[in-house]
Amino acid sequence: MDFTAYHLLRPLGMALRDAGYRVTFCCSPGEGLEKLAAEGFDVVPIPIHRSYNILRHIISFVRLYRLLRRRRFEIVHAHTPVAGLIGRVAAKLAGVPRIVYTAHGFYFHEGMHGIVRCFFLALERFGARLSDLIFVQSREDWKEALRERIATEDKMIHIGNGVDPALFEPQRYVEEAEKLRAELGVDYGPVIGFVGRIVREKGAVEFVRAAASVKATFPGSKFVLVGSPLASDRDGCWVEVNRLRDELGISSDMVLTGYRTDVPAILTVFDIFVLPSYREGMPRALLEAMAAGLPVVASDIRGCREEVEDGVTGYLVPPRRHEPLARAIERLLSSGDRGQSMGRAGKRRVKEHFNEYNVLEKQVHGINTLIKG
């Protein structure tokens, strides 16, 4: 997706370009790809769909295969489950010398039906056999890959995930924060926020239900959901969120901002950050919130529990249930300075363990080593 390419992979593209590589971004067309082109990157738009439509995937594969045969790239670095698999198969058949994949989060996860899990596990093993190097973000994914024989230790590098702490320093956005509070209508009362795609697996519905529960105990609280569904998201969650907001009587206290480009500034308006996902790899949104000094409430799932120290930087709660989510938010709202202490601890944790510079350095070093070897 162009969204992923610009918002998540752009820093890696810049780091590789600074290291002397000629970088080409290939993904579905869109505004993100246009922005990358404006920054001087070579871009190739090829639609790659997040769906189970085999015919669409075959068309994407043929177009990608022809591109790789024509351009003769030295390295193909694939990302995300669908594009990662199609890209690696096309690269192998096109004779690309070196194939790299980043596992942002294995698609199989706890709670998935056994047969379905085995299917996606088999796909990961197949894709790994096509790869010369696999970057793994989550430590749990690393261990799982070894346990499930997806790949051997010598083929994988654990890179973690990270953000630029300076970009989320609240002091940079003092003036913007005042304007945003007025714009969003949250100029009083504690603000509980969410940033991400408004889809079911991100826990958006649970967030709305939890908000209604919290309002009963803390009537002055406000709630903000930043984000929107992508064109490929068709789970009906956006409609349900709007319906529930009205049905539960919290429309006046819950703001849906849609897609925003000023997330670092918006985070300064929040008092608590919530990410009630069902499945994650290594969520960047949590790290951004922690870098901004916010206490967080997140699902006790792979990735989240690697970033959040339960009881130290925030709270971990069971996924898919709004009651524990509401109780954790209420606990923070009633804890006085405890929330601020957790926010400071989270900020330190990001600087020490989740700095984007270290993640990029590991990737560039890994690719350099692969080229030389």
Protein backbone atom coordinates (compact mmCIF):
# COMPACT_ATOMS: atom_id res chain seq x y z
CA MET A 1 0.00 0.00 0.00
CA ASP A 2 1.16 3.53 -0.70
CA PHE A 3 0.21 4.41 2.89
CA THR A 4 2.65 1.83 4.26
CA ALA A 5 5.36 2.84 1.80
CA TYR A 6 5.27 6.49 2.78
CA HIS A 7 4.46 6.39 6.48
CA LEU A 8 6.42 3.29 7.54
CA LEU A 9 9.09 2.54 4.91
CA ARG A 10 10.17 6.02 3.88
CA PRO A 11 12.81 6.29 6.68
CA LEU A 12 14.38 3.02 5.52
CA GLY A 13 14.39 4.25 1.94
CA MET A 14 16.17 7.42 3.03
CA ALA A 15 18.72 5.46 5.10
CA LEU A 16 19.49 3.13 2.18
CA ARG A 17 19.77 6.07 -0.20
CA ASP A 18 22.18 7.77 2.20
CA ALA A 19 24.18 4.52 2.26
CA GLY A 20 24.61 4.67 -1.51
CA TYR A 21 21.77 2.49 -2.75
CA ARG A 22 19.38 3.43 -5.55
CA VAL A 23 15.97 2.83 -4.06
CA THR A 24 12.77 2.09 -5.97
CA PHE A 25 9.39 1.92 -4.26
CA CYS A 26 6.85 -0.39 -5.88
CA CYS A 27 3.32 -0.60 -4.47
CA SER A 28 -0.27 0.32 -5.17
CA PRO A 29 -0.69 3.83 -6.61
CA GLY A 30 -1.80 6.62 -4.33
CA GLU A 31 -0.88 9.85 -2.58
CA GLY A 32 1.90 8.19 -0.58
CA LEU A 33 3.68 7.03 -3.71
CA GLU A 34 3.32 10.49 -5.24
CA LYS A 35 4.95 12.03 -2.16
CA LEU A 36 7.87 9.60 -2.42
CA ALA A 37 8.34 10.54 -6.07
CA ALA A 38 8.35 14.22 -5.09
CA GLU A 39 11.20 13.45 -2.67
CA GLY A 40 13.30 12.05 -5.50
CA PHE A 41 12.64 8.32 -5.16
CA ASP A 42 12.09 6.14 -8.18
CA VAL A 43 8.52 4.81 -7.94
CA VAL A 44 6.58 2.16 -9.86
CA PRO A 45 2.82 1.90 -9.27
CA ILE A 46 1.52 -1.68 -9.39
CA PRO A 47 -1.83 -2.40 -7.71
CA ILE A 48 -1.47 -5.03 -4.97
CA HIS A 49 -4.74 -5.81 -3.21
CA ARG A 50 -5.37 -6.81 0.40
CA SER A 51 -7.99 -9.41 -0.42
CA TYR A 52 -8.57 -13.10 -1.07
CA ASN A 53 -9.20 -12.50 -4.79
CA ILE A 54 -6.74 -14.90 -6.47
CA LEU A 55 -7.23 -13.38 -9.92
CA ARG A 56 -6.18 -9.94 -8.68
CA HIS A 57 -3.09 -11.46 -7.08
CA ILE A 58 -2.18 -13.22 -10.32
CA ILE A 59 -2.42 -9.94 -12.24
CA SER A 60 -0.22 -8.21 -9.62
CA PHE A 61 2.28 -11.07 -9.79
CA VAL A 62 2.54 -10.92 -13.60
CA ARG A 63 3.08 -7.15 -13.58
CA LEU A 64 5.67 -7.39 -10.84
CA TYR A 65 7.47 -10.31 -12.50
CA ARG A 66 7.73 -8.36 -15.77
CA LEU A 67 9.09 -5.33 -13.89
CA LEU A 68 11.76 -7.39 -12.12
CA ARG A 69 12.81 -9.13 -15.35
CA ARG A 70 13.06 -5.79 -17.11
CA ARG A 71 14.83 -3.74 -14.44
CA ARG A 72 17.21 -6.41 -13.11
CA PHE A 73 17.33 -5.26 -9.49
CA GLU A 74 20.12 -6.61 -7.28
CA ILE A 75 17.88 -6.77 -4.20
CA VAL A 76 14.14 -7.01 -3.67
CA HIS A 77 12.99 -6.10 -0.16
CA ALA A 78 9.39 -7.20 0.41
CA HIS A 79 6.99 -6.04 3.12
CA THR A 80 3.51 -6.93 4.44
CA PRO A 81 1.91 -10.39 4.12
CA VAL A 82 0.30 -10.21 0.66
CA ALA A 83 2.90 -8.07 -1.11
CA GLY A 84 5.62 -9.95 0.76
CA LEU A 85 4.58 -13.30 -0.64
CA ILE A 86 3.78 -12.14 -4.18
CA GLY A 87 6.97 -10.09 -4.28
CA ARG A 88 9.22 -12.91 -3.14
CA VAL A 89 7.77 -15.43 -5.59
CA ALA A 90 8.07 -12.95 -8.47
CA ALA A 91 11.63 -12.04 -7.45
CA LYS A 92 12.73 -15.67 -7.26
CA LEU A 93 11.26 -16.54 -10.66
CA ALA A 94 12.67 -13.35 -12.19
CA GLY A 95 16.17 -14.31 -11.04
CA VAL A 96 16.74 -11.50 -8.53
CA PRO A 97 20.05 -12.39 -6.79
CA ARG A 98 19.04 -11.41 -3.24
CA ILE A 99 15.61 -11.40 -1.63
CA VAL A 100 14.88 -9.75 1.74
CA TYR A 101 11.65 -9.77 3.72
CA THR A 102 10.59 -7.83 6.80
CA ALA A 103 8.12 -9.62 9.07
CA HIS A 104 6.20 -6.68 10.52
CA GLY A 105 4.03 -9.26 12.24
CA PHE A 106 3.18 -12.81 11.24
CA TYR A 107 -0.42 -13.08 10.08
CA PHE A 108 -1.11 -16.14 12.25
CA HIS A 109 -1.73 -15.27 15.87
CA GLU A 110 -3.10 -16.51 19.17
CA GLY A 111 -6.80 -17.15 19.03
CA MET A 112 -6.80 -18.04 15.33
CA HIS A 113 -8.56 -21.27 14.34
CA GLY A 114 -6.14 -24.22 14.13
CA ILE A 115 -6.67 -25.04 10.45
CA VAL A 116 -6.46 -21.39 9.39
CA ARG A 117 -3.33 -20.94 11.49
CA CYS A 118 -1.69 -23.96 9.86
CA PHE A 119 -2.46 -22.51 6.42
CA PHE A 120 -0.82 -19.16 7.15
CA LEU A 121 2.06 -20.90 8.90
CA ALA A 122 2.68 -22.93 5.74
CA LEU A 123 2.70 -19.73 3.68
CA GLU A 124 5.29 -18.19 6.01
CA ARG A 125 7.52 -21.27 5.70
CA PHE A 126 7.20 -21.19 1.92
CA GLY A 127 8.03 -17.47 1.78
CA ALA A 128 11.02 -17.94 4.09
CA ARG A 129 12.51 -20.54 1.74
CA LEU A 130 12.49 -17.91 -0.99
CA SER A 131 14.27 -15.37 1.23
CA ASP A 132 17.97 -14.81 1.73
CA LEU A 133 17.42 -12.60 4.78
CA ILE A 134 14.44 -11.95 7.06
CA PHE A 135 14.18 -8.95 9.35
CA VAL A 136 11.87 -9.69 12.29
CA GLN A 137 10.42 -6.82 14.31
CA SER A 138 8.88 -8.67 17.24
CA ARG A 139 10.99 -10.75 19.63
CA GLU A 140 8.01 -13.07 20.05
CA ASP A 141 7.83 -13.51 16.26
CA TRP A 142 11.54 -14.36 16.27
CA LYS A 143 11.02 -17.08 18.85
CA GLU A 144 7.89 -18.32 17.09
CA ALA A 145 9.72 -18.51 13.76
CA LEU A 146 12.36 -20.73 15.32
CA ARG A 147 9.85 -22.86 17.21
CA GLU A 148 7.63 -23.37 14.16
CA ARG A 149 10.62 -23.95 11.84
CA ILE A 150 9.75 -21.00 9.61
CA ALA A 151 13.40 -20.05 9.26
CA THR A 152 16.76 -20.78 10.83
CA GLU A 153 18.52 -18.38 13.17
CA ASP A 154 21.27 -17.58 10.66
CA LYS A 155 18.69 -16.26 8.17
CA MET A 156 16.93 -13.88 10.58
CA ILE A 157 17.85 -10.59 12.24
CA HIS A 158 15.72 -9.19 15.06
CA ILE A 159 15.41 -5.44 14.47
CA GLY A 160 12.54 -4.36 16.71
CA ASN A 161 10.67 -1.19 15.83
CA GLY A 162 11.27 2.44 16.62
CA VAL A 163 10.40 6.09 16.20
CA ASP A 164 12.30 9.37 16.23
CA PRO A 165 11.83 10.55 19.87
CA ALA A 166 12.53 14.17 18.95
CA LEU A 167 9.59 14.25 16.54
CA PHE A 168 7.15 13.50 19.37
CA GLU A 169 8.54 15.89 21.96
CA PRO A 170 5.44 17.74 23.26
CA GLN A 171 7.30 21.03 23.70
CA ARG A 172 7.54 21.32 19.91
CA TYR A 173 3.77 21.62 19.59
CA VAL A 174 2.64 23.99 22.35
CA GLU A 175 0.97 26.48 19.98
CA GLU A 176 -0.58 23.74 17.82
CA ALA A 177 -1.96 21.99 20.92
CA GLU A 178 -3.99 25.03 21.97
CA LYS A 179 -5.52 25.33 18.49
CA LEU A 180 -6.21 21.61 18.28
CA ARG A 181 -8.05 21.56 21.61
CA ALA A 182 -10.38 24.24 20.31
CA GLU A 183 -10.76 22.54 16.91
CA LEU A 184 -11.58 19.15 18.43
CA GLY A 185 -13.74 20.55 21.20
CA VAL A 186 -11.65 19.01 23.98
CA ASP A 187 -10.57 22.14 25.79
CA TYR A 188 -11.60 20.71 29.17
CA GLY A 189 -11.63 17.31 30.85
CA PRO A 190 -9.25 14.37 30.37
CA VAL A 191 -8.79 13.20 26.77
CA ILE A 192 -8.47 9.53 25.88
CA GLY A 193 -7.21 8.94 22.34
CA PHE A 194 -6.72 6.30 19.67
CA VAL A 195 -4.66 6.54 16.46
CA GLY A 196 -4.92 3.94 13.71
CA ARG A 197 -7.09 2.45 11.02
CA ILE A 198 -10.73 2.41 12.08
CA VAL A 199 -11.21 -1.31 11.59
CA ARG A 200 -12.48 -4.13 13.74
CA GLU A 201 -9.10 -5.79 14.37
CA LYS A 202 -7.74 -2.54 15.80
CA GLY A 203 -10.39 -2.73 18.53
CA ALA A 204 -12.23 0.41 17.43
CA VAL A 205 -15.61 -1.02 18.46
CA GLU A 206 -14.29 -1.97 21.90
CA PHE A 207 -12.89 1.55 22.25
CA VAL A 208 -16.34 3.07 21.69
CA ARG A 209 -18.04 0.69 24.13
CA ALA A 210 -15.32 1.32 26.73
CA ALA A 211 -15.75 5.06 26.26
CA ALA A 212 -19.44 4.84 27.12
CA SER A 213 -18.59 2.90 30.27
CA VAL A 214 -15.89 5.38 31.33
CA LYS A 215 -18.27 8.32 30.75
CA ALA A 216 -20.61 6.92 33.41
CA THR A 217 -17.86 7.23 36.03
CA PHE A 218 -15.94 10.21 34.61
CA PRO A 219 -18.59 12.35 32.88
CA GLY A 220 -16.10 15.05 31.93
CA SER A 221 -13.89 12.76 29.85
CA LYS A 222 -13.50 13.20 26.10
CA PHE A 223 -12.54 10.64 23.45
CA VAL A 224 -10.76 11.10 20.12
CA LEU A 225 -10.31 8.54 17.32
CA VAL A 226 -7.70 9.60 14.78
CA GLY A 227 -7.75 7.68 11.52
CA SER A 228 -10.06 6.16 8.95
CA PRO A 229 -10.47 2.87 7.13
CA LEU A 230 -8.36 2.34 4.03
CA ALA A 231 -10.03 1.73 0.68
CA SER A 232 -9.20 -1.97 1.07
CA ASP A 233 -10.85 -2.18 4.53
CA ARG A 234 -14.38 -3.45 4.07
CA ASP A 235 -15.37 -4.80 7.49
CA GLY A 236 -18.10 -2.24 8.13
CA CYS A 237 -16.39 -0.98 11.27
CA TRP A 238 -16.60 2.71 10.35
CA VAL A 239 -20.37 2.48 10.04
CA GLU A 240 -20.67 0.53 13.30
CA VAL A 241 -18.49 3.01 15.20
CA ASN A 242 -20.69 5.89 14.09
CA ARG A 243 -23.86 3.94 14.92
CA LEU A 244 -22.61 2.93 18.38
CA ARG A 245 -21.48 6.44 19.17
CA ASP A 246 -25.04 7.67 18.64
CA GLU A 247 -26.70 4.64 20.21
CA LEU A 248 -24.62 4.89 23.40
CA GLY A 249 -25.23 8.64 23.70
CA ILE A 250 -21.60 9.80 23.50
CA SER A 251 -21.59 11.58 20.12
CA SER A 252 -20.91 14.96 21.71
CA ASP A 253 -17.93 13.61 23.64
CA MET A 254 -16.30 11.43 20.97
CA VAL A 255 -14.53 13.04 18.02
CA LEU A 256 -13.76 11.15 14.80
CA THR A 257 -11.06 13.17 13.08
CA GLY A 258 -10.52 11.01 9.99
CA TYR A 259 -7.04 10.73 8.50
CA ARG A 260 -4.59 13.34 9.84
CA THR A 261 -1.02 14.24 9.01
CA ASP A 262 -0.41 16.10 12.29
CA VAL A 263 -0.41 13.12 14.67
CA PRO A 264 2.64 14.27 16.71
CA ALA A 265 0.79 17.49 17.55
CA ILE A 266 -2.52 15.71 18.23
CA LEU A 267 -0.84 13.39 20.73
CA THR A 268 -0.05 16.42 22.90
CA VAL A 269 -3.81 16.90 23.37
CA PHE A 270 -4.25 13.38 24.80
CA ASP A 271 -3.92 12.41 28.45
CA ILE A 272 -4.14 8.65 27.82
CA PHE A 273 -3.49 6.62 24.68
CA VAL A 274 -5.38 3.39 23.94
CA LEU A 275 -4.67 0.62 21.42
CA PRO A 276 -7.11 -2.31 21.90
CA SER A 277 -5.98 -4.37 18.87
CA TYR A 278 -6.75 -8.04 18.28
CA ARG A 279 -3.49 -8.60 16.35
CA GLU A 280 -0.28 -6.60 15.97
CA GLY A 281 3.28 -6.96 14.82
CA MET A 282 5.19 -4.21 16.61
CA PRO A 283 2.75 -1.29 16.70
CA ARG A 284 4.34 2.03 15.88
CA ALA A 285 1.36 3.97 17.25
CA LEU A 286 2.11 2.79 20.80
CA LEU A 287 5.74 3.88 20.51
CA GLU A 288 4.69 7.29 19.21
CA ALA A 289 2.36 7.77 22.17
CA MET A 290 5.02 6.66 24.65
CA ALA A 291 7.56 8.98 23.01
CA ALA A 292 5.08 11.80 23.58
CA GLY A 293 5.05 10.95 27.29
CA LEU A 294 1.59 9.38 27.45
CA PRO A 295 0.53 6.47 29.68
CA VAL A 296 -0.93 3.75 27.47
CA VAL A 297 -3.53 1.00 27.64
CA ALA A 298 -3.01 -1.80 25.12
CA SER A 299 -4.07 -5.36 24.41
CA ASP A 300 -2.03 -8.10 26.00
CA ILE A 301 -0.94 -9.53 22.65
CA ARG A 302 2.26 -10.12 20.70
CA GLY A 303 4.08 -6.86 19.99
CA CYS A 304 2.16 -4.72 22.47
CA ARG A 305 3.51 -6.60 25.49
CA GLU A 306 7.02 -6.22 24.09
CA GLU A 307 6.66 -2.44 24.05
CA VAL A 308 4.54 -1.82 27.16
CA GLU A 309 5.75 -2.65 30.67
CA ASP A 310 2.53 -3.55 32.44
CA GLY A 311 2.10 -1.37 35.50
CA VAL A 312 5.17 0.72 34.64
CA THR A 313 4.48 2.49 31.32
CA GLY A 314 0.78 1.62 31.18
CA TYR A 315 -1.57 -1.33 31.40
CA LEU A 316 -2.10 -4.46 29.31
CA VAL A 317 -5.65 -5.82 29.06
CA PRO A 318 -7.29 -8.83 27.39
CA PRO A 319 -8.19 -8.21 23.73
CA ARG A 320 -11.75 -8.17 22.34
CA ARG A 321 -13.30 -7.15 25.68
CA HIS A 322 -14.35 -3.60 26.42
CA GLU A 323 -14.93 -4.04 30.17
CA PRO A 324 -11.25 -4.57 31.17
CA LEU A 325 -10.32 -1.78 28.75
CA ALA A 326 -12.69 0.62 30.49
CA ARG A 327 -11.45 -0.41 33.95
CA ALA A 328 -7.81 0.24 32.95
CA ILE A 329 -8.68 3.71 31.61
CA GLU A 330 -10.60 4.49 34.80
CA ARG A 331 -7.67 3.29 36.86
CA LEU A 332 -5.42 5.80 35.13
CA LEU A 333 -7.96 8.60 35.42
CA SER A 334 -8.26 8.06 39.17
CA SER A 335 -4.56 7.55 39.87
CA GLY A 336 -3.52 11.18 40.16
CA ASP A 337 0.19 11.55 39.32
CA ARG A 338 0.53 7.83 38.58
CA GLY A 339 -0.39 8.36 34.92
CA GLN A 340 2.18 11.09 34.47
CA SER A 341 4.83 8.88 36.08
CA MET A 342 3.95 6.10 33.64
CA GLY A 343 4.18 8.55 30.75
CA ARG A 344 7.68 9.59 31.77
CA ALA A 345 8.70 5.94 32.12
CA GLY A 346 7.36 5.21 28.64
CA LYS A 347 9.26 8.13 27.18
CA ARG A 348 12.52 6.82 28.69
CA ARG A 349 11.76 3.32 27.42
CA VAL A 350 11.36 4.53 23.84
CA LYS A 351 14.63 6.45 23.96
CA GLU A 352 16.50 3.47 25.40
CA HIS A 353 14.97 0.57 23.46
CA PHE A 354 12.89 1.80 20.53
CA ASN A 355 14.89 4.49 18.76
CA GLU A 356 14.31 4.45 15.01
CA TYR A 357 17.98 5.12 14.31
CA ASN A 358 19.01 1.77 15.79
CA VAL A 359 16.38 -0.12 13.76
CA LEU A 360 17.52 1.50 10.51
CA GLU A 361 21.16 0.86 11.33
CA LYS A 362 20.49 -2.88 11.79
CA GLN A 363 18.68 -3.07 8.46
CA VAL A 364 21.32 -1.20 6.47
CA HIS A 365 24.06 -3.28 8.08
CA GLY A 366 22.19 -6.51 7.32
CA ILE A 367 21.72 -5.57 3.67
CA ASN A 368 25.37 -4.47 3.36
CA THR A 369 26.48 -7.80 4.78
CA LEU A 370 24.20 -9.70 2.41
CA ILE A 371 25.61 -7.83 -0.59
CA LYS A 372 29.22 -8.45 0.43
CA GLY A 373 28.62 -12.08 1.33
